[in-house]
Amino acid sequence: MGCLQPLPESASLPDERFAPLDDRGIGLGTSALKRGIEEMVNDPEIQERIAQETGDPNLLADFQHGQAPLVSREFRRINPSYFKSRQNWARLVLLVQCVAFNCLQMEPDEASAAEMQELL
């Protein structure tokens, strides 16, 4: 004798003891779930939180590298008069060195501006 027994003819399906069956359409629930997961995956706050909570340096670095273009676009949107030039780049290097000195106690000759930027 097997474990599964056929249902008696008097049994009604779906069983009223459980929540009603969602018969609004195939995949309605899964598409909403997928959309919600995609929104969470693309949310910068959630990405940063996951990167920090896992302690995975590669994940955190990937997150930070992904943020750079977003920050750059936002900067240009807020500062439409900004002009990309060698003078502005030189000022940016000085700014990175200043922040690295104040936050990381790094002297300007300890690393390149790109390395300092990476550490920041």
C-alpha atoms as a PDB file:
ATOM      1  CA  MET A   1       0.000   0.000   0.000  1.00  0.00           C
ATOM      2  CA  GLY A   2       1.441   3.380  -1.068  1.00  0.00           C
ATOM      3  CA  CYS A   3       1.570   6.608   0.921  1.00  0.00           C
ATOM      4  CA  LEU A   4      -0.671   8.551  -1.449  1.00  0.00           C
ATOM      5  CA  GLN A   5      -4.312   7.672  -1.536  1.00  0.00           C
ATOM      6  CA  PRO A   6      -6.662   8.846  -4.269  1.00  0.00           C
ATOM      7  CA  LEU A   7      -9.084  11.568  -3.225  1.00  0.00           C
ATOM      8  CA  PRO A   8     -12.603  10.453  -2.521  1.00  0.00           C
ATOM      9  CA  GLU A   9     -15.163  11.578  -5.077  1.00  0.00           C
ATOM     10  CA  SER A  10     -16.781  13.753  -2.411  1.00  0.00           C
ATOM     11  CA  ALA A  11     -13.621  15.929  -2.080  1.00  0.00           C
ATOM     12  CA  SER A  12     -13.835  19.413  -3.523  1.00  0.00           C
ATOM     13  CA  LEU A  13     -10.943  21.134  -5.251  1.00  0.00           C
ATOM     14  CA  PRO A  14      -9.538  23.560  -4.450  1.00  0.00           C
ATOM     15  CA  ASP A  15      -9.667  22.737  -0.753  1.00  0.00           C
ATOM     16  CA  GLU A  16     -11.567  25.466   1.126  1.00  0.00           C
ATOM     17  CA  ARG A  17      -9.218  25.142   4.107  1.00  0.00           C
ATOM     18  CA  PHE A  18      -6.535  26.953   2.134  1.00  0.00           C
ATOM     19  CA  ALA A  19      -6.306  30.385   0.473  1.00  0.00           C
ATOM     20  CA  PRO A  20      -8.248  30.678  -2.757  1.00  0.00           C
ATOM     21  CA  LEU A  21      -6.436  29.786  -5.950  1.00  0.00           C
ATOM     22  CA  ASP A  22      -5.050  32.788  -7.863  1.00  0.00           C
ATOM     23  CA  ASP A  23      -6.479  32.220 -11.319  1.00  0.00           C
ATOM     24  CA  ARG A  24      -6.174  35.778 -12.655  1.00  0.00           C
ATOM     25  CA  GLY A  25      -3.736  34.656 -15.307  1.00  0.00           C
ATOM     26  CA  ILE A  26      -0.572  32.676 -15.831  1.00  0.00           C
ATOM     27  CA  GLY A  27       2.567  34.444 -14.626  1.00  0.00           C
ATOM     28  CA  LEU A  28       0.854  37.496 -13.130  1.00  0.00           C
ATOM     29  CA  GLY A  29       2.462  36.934  -9.757  1.00  0.00           C
ATOM     30  CA  THR A  30       5.836  35.922 -11.149  1.00  0.00           C
ATOM     31  CA  SER A  31       6.154  38.917 -13.442  1.00  0.00           C
ATOM     32  CA  ALA A  32       5.426  41.288 -10.563  1.00  0.00           C
ATOM     33  CA  LEU A  33       7.947  39.426  -8.411  1.00  0.00           C
ATOM     34  CA  LYS A  34      10.583  39.602 -11.158  1.00  0.00           C
ATOM     35  CA  ARG A  35       9.927  43.314 -11.633  1.00  0.00           C
ATOM     36  CA  GLY A  36      10.271  43.893  -7.877  1.00  0.00           C
ATOM     37  CA  ILE A  37      13.551  41.975  -7.744  1.00  0.00           C
ATOM     38  CA  GLU A  38      14.921  43.934 -10.719  1.00  0.00           C
ATOM     39  CA  GLU A  39      14.004  47.202  -9.013  1.00  0.00           C
ATOM     40  CA  MET A  40      15.812  46.116  -5.843  1.00  0.00           C
ATOM     41  CA  VAL A  41      18.895  44.950  -7.756  1.00  0.00           C
ATOM     42  CA  ASN A  42      19.123  48.305  -9.534  1.00  0.00           C
ATOM     43  CA  ASP A  43      18.526  50.367  -6.373  1.00  0.00           C
ATOM     44  CA  PRO A  44      21.868  51.994  -5.447  1.00  0.00           C
ATOM     45  CA  GLU A  45      21.020  52.033  -1.722  1.00  0.00           C
ATOM     46  CA  ILE A  46      20.342  48.296  -1.723  1.00  0.00           C
ATOM     47  CA  GLN A  47      23.472  47.605  -3.777  1.00  0.00           C
ATOM     48  CA  GLU A  48      25.597  49.566  -1.328  1.00  0.00           C
ATOM     49  CA  ARG A  49      24.000  47.879   1.680  1.00  0.00           C
ATOM     50  CA  ILE A  50      24.599  44.393   0.242  1.00  0.00           C
ATOM     51  CA  ALA A  51      28.187  45.271  -0.638  1.00  0.00           C
ATOM     52  CA  GLN A  52      28.877  46.583   2.870  1.00  0.00           C
ATOM     53  CA  GLU A  53      27.033  43.812   4.733  1.00  0.00           C
ATOM     54  CA  THR A  54      28.714  40.999   2.828  1.00  0.00           C
ATOM     55  CA  GLY A  55      32.129  42.568   3.370  1.00  0.00           C
ATOM     56  CA  ASP A  56      33.077  41.422  -0.132  1.00  0.00           C
ATOM     57  CA  PRO A  57      35.686  43.967  -1.317  1.00  0.00           C
ATOM     58  CA  ASN A  58      35.121  43.031  -4.972  1.00  0.00           C
ATOM     59  CA  LEU A  59      31.369  43.583  -4.668  1.00  0.00           C
ATOM     60  CA  LEU A  60      31.922  46.933  -2.967  1.00  0.00           C
ATOM     61  CA  ALA A  61      34.471  47.974  -5.621  1.00  0.00           C
ATOM     62  CA  ASP A  62      32.060  46.949  -8.388  1.00  0.00           C
ATOM     63  CA  PHE A  63      29.337  49.014  -6.748  1.00  0.00           C
ATOM     64  CA  GLN A  64      31.594  52.049  -6.431  1.00  0.00           C
ATOM     65  CA  HIS A  65      32.760  51.753 -10.048  1.00  0.00           C
ATOM     66  CA  GLY A  66      29.138  51.582 -11.129  1.00  0.00           C
ATOM     67  CA  GLN A  67      28.335  54.752  -9.193  1.00  0.00           C
ATOM     68  CA  ALA A  68      31.012  56.865 -10.885  1.00  0.00           C
ATOM     69  CA  PRO A  69      29.108  57.444 -14.162  1.00  0.00           C
ATOM     70  CA  LEU A  70      25.932  58.248 -12.238  1.00  0.00           C
ATOM     71  CA  VAL A  71      27.717  60.806 -10.075  1.00  0.00           C
ATOM     72  CA  SER A  72      29.381  62.301 -13.147  1.00  0.00           C
ATOM     73  CA  ARG A  73      26.064  62.682 -14.993  1.00  0.00           C
ATOM     74  CA  GLU A  74      24.410  64.187 -11.910  1.00  0.00           C
ATOM     75  CA  PHE A  75      27.293  66.655 -11.519  1.00  0.00           C
ATOM     76  CA  ARG A  76      26.924  67.771 -15.138  1.00  0.00           C
ATOM     77  CA  ARG A  77      23.157  68.080 -14.739  1.00  0.00           C
ATOM     78  CA  ILE A  78      23.529  70.271 -11.647  1.00  0.00           C
ATOM     79  CA  ASN A  79      26.427  72.266 -13.150  1.00  0.00           C
ATOM     80  CA  PRO A  80      25.500  72.837 -16.802  1.00  0.00           C
ATOM     81  CA  SER A  81      28.180  75.522 -17.170  1.00  0.00           C
ATOM     82  CA  TYR A  82      30.978  73.067 -16.297  1.00  0.00           C
ATOM     83  CA  PHE A  83      33.485  72.777 -19.102  1.00  0.00           C
ATOM     84  CA  LYS A  84      35.777  69.763 -19.354  1.00  0.00           C
ATOM     85  CA  SER A  85      39.298  71.111 -19.768  1.00  0.00           C
ATOM     86  CA  ARG A  86      42.891  70.505 -18.640  1.00  0.00           C
ATOM     87  CA  GLN A  87      42.570  73.335 -16.105  1.00  0.00           C
ATOM     88  CA  ASN A  88      39.459  71.827 -14.573  1.00  0.00           C
ATOM     89  CA  TRP A  89      41.133  68.404 -14.498  1.00  0.00           C
ATOM     90  CA  ALA A  90      44.144  69.898 -12.681  1.00  0.00           C
ATOM     91  CA  ARG A  91      41.766  71.428 -10.137  1.00  0.00           C
ATOM     92  CA  LEU A  92      40.055  68.070  -9.723  1.00  0.00           C
ATOM     93  CA  VAL A  93      43.420  66.400  -9.036  1.00  0.00           C
ATOM     94  CA  LEU A  94      44.116  69.012  -6.354  1.00  0.00           C
ATOM     95  CA  LEU A  95      40.682  68.408  -4.853  1.00  0.00           C
ATOM     96  CA  VAL A  96      41.264  64.634  -4.740  1.00  0.00           C
ATOM     97  CA  GLN A  97      44.661  65.189  -3.092  1.00  0.00           C
ATOM     98  CA  CYS A  98      43.108  67.528  -0.535  1.00  0.00           C
ATOM     99  CA  VAL A  99      40.327  65.081   0.357  1.00  0.00           C
ATOM    100  CA  ALA A 100      42.834  62.199   0.512  1.00  0.00           C
ATOM    101  CA  PHE A 101      45.013  64.239   2.870  1.00  0.00           C
ATOM    102  CA  ASN A 102      42.089  65.185   5.122  1.00  0.00           C
ATOM    103  CA  CYS A 103      40.334  61.803   5.140  1.00  0.00           C
ATOM    104  CA  LEU A 104      43.168  59.307   4.659  1.00  0.00           C
ATOM    105  CA  GLN A 105      46.160  61.329   5.937  1.00  0.00           C
ATOM    106  CA  MET A 106      47.876  60.734   2.571  1.00  0.00           C
ATOM    107  CA  GLU A 107      50.507  63.117   1.295  1.00  0.00           C
ATOM    108  CA  PRO A 108      50.157  64.180  -2.379  1.00  0.00           C
ATOM    109  CA  ASP A 109      53.356  62.334  -3.344  1.00  0.00           C
ATOM    110  CA  GLU A 110      52.279  59.005  -1.758  1.00  0.00           C
ATOM    111  CA  ALA A 111      50.061  57.935  -4.657  1.00  0.00           C
ATOM    112  CA  SER A 112      48.647  59.083  -7.965  1.00  0.00           C
ATOM    113  CA  ALA A 113      45.360  60.975  -8.036  1.00  0.00           C
ATOM    114  CA  ALA A 114      43.689  57.901  -9.558  1.00  0.00           C
ATOM    115  CA  GLU A 115      44.969  55.691  -6.725  1.00  0.00           C
ATOM    116  CA  MET A 116      43.808  58.215  -4.149  1.00  0.00           C
ATOM    117  CA  GLN A 117      40.429  58.415  -5.834  1.00  0.00           C
ATOM    118  CA  GLU A 118      40.179  54.613  -5.711  1.00  0.00           C
ATOM    119  CA  LEU A 119      40.989  54.582  -1.996  1.00  0.00           C
ATOM    120  CA  LEU A 120      38.488  57.319  -1.287  1.00  0.00           C
END
